[in-house]
């Protein structure tokens, strides 16, 4: 399909909150928005998803058990927010030196986010766990090339100001045969898609405004889902970035799902 005839979400390069005119202003606006809603973020997520978000994190983490169980595996949770996905992953990490092979030290998990306020909440949750919180931009990670075994990202990838650049940066830091797992929303099709769209466009923004007291944050959420590439396009982008075996697993009738792929080589 020619670019000029493609749906908007198919040619979108990244998130664009209202008022953003460039990738830089988009990133700045998104960071400010998450800093503002951080104190009520967990409450809103659980309320607006009826608690299903916990099931999505848990299911995704379980699917990654083979790599999480390896004590030497270096895991990076990108756009970690207040840390719930990192905690779900940590359930499957070795708990002590006794869980690891002789002479092997369990590697700490890295949890990265560029919102200072969100990361502050995550740090409190990480107390006593082998998780290191890092304040950094997902498009410019302070991590050497070929150093990570698994990169996860739960409900944060669609907030990147440039999706292709995000995939390229993940590819850079992964070791050959390292894995990527992106959990995010999707716009389902058919009758369910119509109902979902009505909820996202009308009900969710009103509830979000009431609880978060931010008039823009929960208007941005449905807009960001609409802009995000559908699964077929996202898989094309992952393949173009160099990943192999890209696939999407649908959760809850296509409302959300996880993208998985492997870095080639090695």
Protein backbone atom coordinates (compact mmCIF):
# COMPACT_ATOMS: atom_id res chain seq x y z
CA UNK A 1 0.00 0.00 0.00
CA UNK A 2 1.42 3.41 -0.90
CA UNK A 3 2.32 5.58 2.11
CA UNK A 4 -0.17 8.31 1.16
CA UNK A 5 -3.05 5.82 1.26
CA UNK A 6 -2.04 4.03 4.45
CA UNK A 7 -4.02 4.57 7.66
CA UNK A 8 -2.43 7.10 10.01
CA UNK A 9 -1.39 4.45 12.53
CA UNK A 10 0.52 2.60 9.81
CA UNK A 11 2.78 5.57 8.93
CA UNK A 12 3.18 6.96 12.44
CA UNK A 13 6.79 7.11 13.58
CA UNK A 14 6.08 7.63 17.27
CA UNK A 15 3.88 9.07 20.00
CA UNK A 16 2.64 12.64 19.62
CA UNK A 17 0.79 14.14 22.60
CA UNK A 18 -1.34 17.21 21.92
CA UNK A 19 0.78 20.24 21.11
CA UNK A 20 3.92 18.29 20.21
CA UNK A 21 5.56 19.42 16.98
CA UNK A 22 8.70 17.27 17.04
CA UNK A 23 10.16 14.13 18.58
CA UNK A 24 11.89 16.26 21.21
CA UNK A 25 8.73 18.11 22.25
CA UNK A 26 6.78 14.83 22.23
CA UNK A 27 9.26 13.21 24.62
CA UNK A 28 9.26 16.27 26.87
CA UNK A 29 5.45 16.38 26.97
CA UNK A 30 5.16 12.66 27.77
CA UNK A 31 7.76 12.88 30.54
CA UNK A 32 5.96 15.84 32.11
CA UNK A 33 2.59 14.06 31.86
CA UNK A 34 3.85 10.94 33.63
CA UNK A 35 5.58 13.00 36.32
CA UNK A 36 2.25 14.71 36.96
CA UNK A 37 0.05 11.60 37.18
CA UNK A 38 2.62 9.41 38.98
CA UNK A 39 0.99 9.60 42.46
CA UNK A 40 -2.30 8.17 41.16
CA UNK A 41 -0.94 6.08 38.30
CA UNK A 42 -1.26 2.66 39.96
CA UNK A 43 -4.77 3.35 41.24
CA UNK A 44 -5.93 4.48 37.82
CA UNK A 45 -4.35 1.55 35.99
CA UNK A 46 -5.98 -1.05 38.22
CA UNK A 47 -9.34 0.74 38.30
CA UNK A 48 -9.63 1.48 34.59
CA UNK A 49 -8.55 -2.04 33.59
CA UNK A 50 -10.64 -3.75 36.30
CA UNK A 51 -7.43 -5.35 37.54
CA UNK A 52 -6.76 -7.18 34.27
CA UNK A 53 -3.44 -5.38 33.91
CA UNK A 54 -2.03 -7.56 36.70
CA UNK A 55 -2.98 -10.67 34.73
CA UNK A 56 -1.27 -9.32 31.62
CA UNK A 57 1.99 -8.65 33.49
CA UNK A 58 1.88 -12.05 35.15
CA UNK A 59 1.14 -13.94 31.93
CA UNK A 60 3.94 -12.17 30.09
CA UNK A 61 6.42 -12.87 32.88
CA UNK A 62 5.48 -16.57 32.98
CA UNK A 63 6.11 -16.86 29.25
CA UNK A 64 9.68 -15.62 29.85
CA UNK A 65 10.53 -18.08 32.65
CA UNK A 66 13.25 -19.99 30.71
CA UNK A 67 15.42 -16.90 30.38
CA UNK A 68 14.46 -15.35 33.73
CA UNK A 69 15.48 -18.52 35.55
CA UNK A 70 19.07 -18.20 34.32
CA UNK A 71 20.90 -16.41 37.15
CA UNK A 72 23.53 -14.95 34.83
CA UNK A 73 20.93 -13.50 32.43
CA UNK A 74 20.89 -9.70 32.37
CA UNK A 75 17.32 -8.43 32.17
CA UNK A 76 16.30 -4.85 31.40
CA UNK A 77 12.73 -3.66 31.92
CA UNK A 78 12.29 -0.60 29.71
CA UNK A 79 9.82 2.21 30.49
CA UNK A 80 9.33 0.49 33.83
CA UNK A 81 6.95 3.12 35.23
CA UNK A 82 6.17 2.37 38.86
CA UNK A 83 7.78 -1.06 38.56
CA UNK A 84 4.92 -3.56 38.32
CA UNK A 85 6.27 -5.41 35.29
CA UNK A 86 9.74 -5.60 36.85
CA UNK A 87 8.19 -7.10 39.98
CA UNK A 88 6.28 -9.65 37.91
CA UNK A 89 9.55 -10.65 36.20
CA UNK A 90 11.41 -10.76 39.50
CA UNK A 91 9.15 -13.57 40.75
CA UNK A 92 10.94 -15.88 38.32
CA UNK A 93 14.48 -14.68 39.04
CA UNK A 94 16.82 -16.69 41.34
CA UNK A 95 16.21 -15.59 44.93
CA UNK A 96 19.63 -16.27 46.40
CA UNK A 97 23.11 -17.56 45.68
CA UNK A 98 21.82 -21.02 46.54
CA UNK A 99 19.53 -20.84 43.50
CA UNK A 100 22.44 -20.22 41.17
CA UNK A 101 25.09 -22.60 39.91
CA UNK A 102 28.37 -22.73 41.89
CA UNK A 103 30.42 -19.63 41.19
CA UNK A 104 27.54 -17.83 39.44
CA UNK A 105 26.15 -14.63 40.92
CA UNK A 106 22.58 -13.68 40.06
CA UNK A 107 22.69 -10.58 37.84
CA UNK A 108 20.59 -7.62 38.98
CA UNK A 109 17.60 -6.65 36.88
CA UNK A 110 17.79 -3.17 35.35
CA UNK A 111 14.59 -1.08 35.48
CA UNK A 112 14.70 2.03 33.28
CA UNK A 113 12.36 5.00 32.99
CA UNK A 114 12.77 8.68 32.10
CA UNK A 115 10.05 9.95 34.45
CA UNK A 116 11.71 10.87 37.73
CA UNK A 117 8.47 10.73 39.71
CA UNK A 118 7.43 7.34 38.34
CA UNK A 119 10.88 5.91 39.02
CA UNK A 120 10.83 7.21 42.59
CA UNK A 121 7.71 5.14 43.23
CA UNK A 122 9.31 2.12 41.58
CA UNK A 123 12.41 2.40 43.76
CA UNK A 124 10.27 2.13 46.87
CA UNK A 125 8.74 -1.10 45.53
CA UNK A 126 12.17 -2.51 44.66
CA UNK A 127 13.49 -2.27 48.23
CA UNK A 128 15.18 -5.52 49.23
CA UNK A 129 15.13 -6.90 45.69
CA UNK A 130 17.94 -7.41 43.20
CA UNK A 131 16.62 -4.65 40.93
CA UNK A 132 18.53 -1.49 39.98
CA UNK A 133 16.46 1.55 38.97
CA UNK A 134 17.99 3.78 36.27
CA UNK A 135 16.65 7.15 35.15
CA UNK A 136 17.32 7.27 31.41
CA UNK A 137 15.79 7.81 27.98
CA UNK A 138 14.70 4.62 26.21
CA UNK A 139 16.17 5.94 22.95
CA UNK A 140 19.60 6.58 24.53
CA UNK A 141 20.27 3.81 27.04
CA UNK A 142 23.42 4.06 29.19
CA UNK A 143 24.16 0.41 28.43
CA UNK A 144 26.98 -1.09 26.33
CA UNK A 145 26.15 -2.86 23.06
CA UNK A 146 25.55 -6.62 23.20
CA UNK A 147 25.20 -6.70 26.99
CA UNK A 148 21.55 -7.60 27.71
CA UNK A 149 19.87 -11.01 27.45
CA UNK A 150 16.24 -9.85 27.68
CA UNK A 151 14.54 -6.49 27.19
CA UNK A 152 10.93 -6.16 28.26
CA UNK A 153 8.62 -3.17 27.93
CA UNK A 154 5.09 -3.12 29.34
CA UNK A 155 2.68 -0.41 28.15
CA UNK A 156 5.52 1.99 27.51
CA UNK A 157 6.76 1.32 24.00
CA UNK A 158 3.86 3.15 22.35
CA UNK A 159 4.91 6.27 24.31
CA UNK A 160 8.28 6.46 22.56
CA UNK A 161 8.66 9.45 20.28
CA UNK A 162 10.19 7.22 17.59
CA UNK A 163 9.27 3.52 17.42
CA UNK A 164 11.93 2.56 14.89
CA UNK A 165 14.62 4.27 16.97
CA UNK A 166 13.33 2.43 20.03
CA UNK A 167 13.64 -0.94 18.30
CA UNK A 168 17.11 -0.04 17.03
CA UNK A 169 18.26 0.87 20.54
CA UNK A 170 16.88 -2.36 21.98
CA UNK A 171 18.61 -4.30 19.19
CA UNK A 172 21.88 -2.49 19.98
CA UNK A 173 21.94 -3.44 23.67
CA UNK A 174 20.79 -7.05 23.25
CA UNK A 175 23.32 -9.83 22.97
CA UNK A 176 23.09 -12.08 19.89
CA UNK A 177 20.14 -14.43 20.51
CA UNK A 178 18.87 -12.00 23.16
CA UNK A 179 15.11 -11.56 23.35
CA UNK A 180 12.67 -8.67 23.21
CA UNK A 181 9.17 -8.80 24.74
CA UNK A 182 6.84 -5.81 24.34
CA UNK A 183 3.47 -5.88 26.11
CA UNK A 184 1.10 -3.18 24.94
CA UNK A 185 -2.44 -2.26 24.04
CA UNK A 186 -4.04 -2.96 20.69
CA UNK A 187 -7.12 -1.63 18.91
CA UNK A 188 -9.26 -4.76 18.35
CA UNK A 189 -11.41 -5.02 15.25
CA UNK A 190 -15.09 -5.91 14.84
CA UNK A 191 -17.92 -5.27 17.35
CA UNK A 192 -15.52 -5.55 20.30
CA UNK A 193 -13.36 -2.89 18.72
CA UNK A 194 -16.34 -0.53 18.51
CA UNK A 195 -17.20 -1.03 22.20
CA UNK A 196 -13.54 -0.73 23.16
CA UNK A 197 -13.22 2.51 21.20
CA UNK A 198 -16.29 3.99 22.88
CA UNK A 199 -14.89 3.16 26.32
CA UNK A 200 -11.44 4.51 25.46
CA UNK A 201 -12.72 7.68 23.82
CA UNK A 202 -15.50 8.66 26.23
CA UNK A 203 -15.53 6.76 29.54
CA UNK A 204 -11.82 6.41 30.28
CA UNK A 205 -10.86 10.09 29.73
CA UNK A 206 -13.62 11.27 32.07
CA UNK A 207 -12.69 8.83 34.83
CA UNK A 208 -9.02 9.58 34.34
CA UNK A 209 -9.56 13.33 34.59
CA UNK A 210 -11.62 12.91 37.74
CA UNK A 211 -9.04 10.81 39.58
CA UNK A 212 -5.74 12.08 38.16
CA UNK A 213 -6.79 15.75 37.95
CA UNK A 214 -4.84 15.96 34.70
CA UNK A 215 -7.12 17.00 31.82
CA UNK A 216 -4.81 15.69 29.11
CA UNK A 217 -3.28 12.42 30.36
CA UNK A 218 -6.27 10.16 29.79
CA UNK A 219 -7.19 11.85 26.55
CA UNK A 220 -3.68 11.05 25.38
CA UNK A 221 -4.03 7.35 26.30
CA UNK A 222 -6.71 6.40 23.72
CA UNK A 223 -5.01 8.59 21.13
CA UNK A 224 -1.70 6.79 21.73
CA UNK A 225 -3.35 3.39 21.26
CA UNK A 226 -4.97 4.52 18.01
CA UNK A 227 -1.61 5.78 16.71
CA UNK A 228 0.25 2.63 17.69
CA UNK A 229 0.87 0.18 14.81
CA UNK A 230 -1.43 -2.83 14.56
CA UNK A 231 0.24 -6.23 15.16
CA UNK A 232 1.03 -6.99 11.51
CA UNK A 233 2.76 -3.63 11.08
CA UNK A 234 4.61 -3.89 14.39
CA UNK A 235 5.94 -7.30 13.37
CA UNK A 236 7.13 -5.81 10.06
CA UNK A 237 8.95 -3.07 11.98
CA UNK A 238 10.62 -5.57 14.32
CA UNK A 239 11.76 -7.66 11.36
CA UNK A 240 13.08 -4.57 9.58
CA UNK A 241 15.05 -3.70 12.73
CA UNK A 242 16.86 -7.04 12.43
CA UNK A 243 14.86 -9.22 14.80
CA UNK A 244 13.99 -12.80 13.87
CA UNK A 245 10.88 -14.84 14.62
CA UNK A 246 8.73 -11.84 15.51
CA UNK A 247 5.25 -12.81 16.67
CA UNK A 248 2.33 -11.36 18.61
CA UNK A 249 0.28 -13.19 21.24
CA UNK A 250 -3.17 -11.73 21.81
CA UNK A 251 -4.50 -11.18 25.34
CA UNK A 252 -8.14 -10.61 26.35
CA UNK A 253 -9.70 -10.76 22.86
CA UNK A 254 -7.01 -8.57 21.34
CA UNK A 255 -7.30 -5.66 23.76
CA UNK A 256 -3.62 -6.17 24.57
CA UNK A 257 -0.86 -8.55 23.61
CA UNK A 258 2.84 -9.28 23.75
CA UNK A 259 5.34 -9.02 20.89
CA UNK A 260 8.29 -11.41 21.04
CA UNK A 261 11.40 -11.67 18.85
CA UNK A 262 15.08 -12.64 18.98
CA UNK A 263 18.16 -10.71 17.95
CA UNK A 264 19.86 -12.53 15.13
CA UNK A 265 23.44 -13.72 15.30
CA UNK A 266 25.50 -15.74 17.74
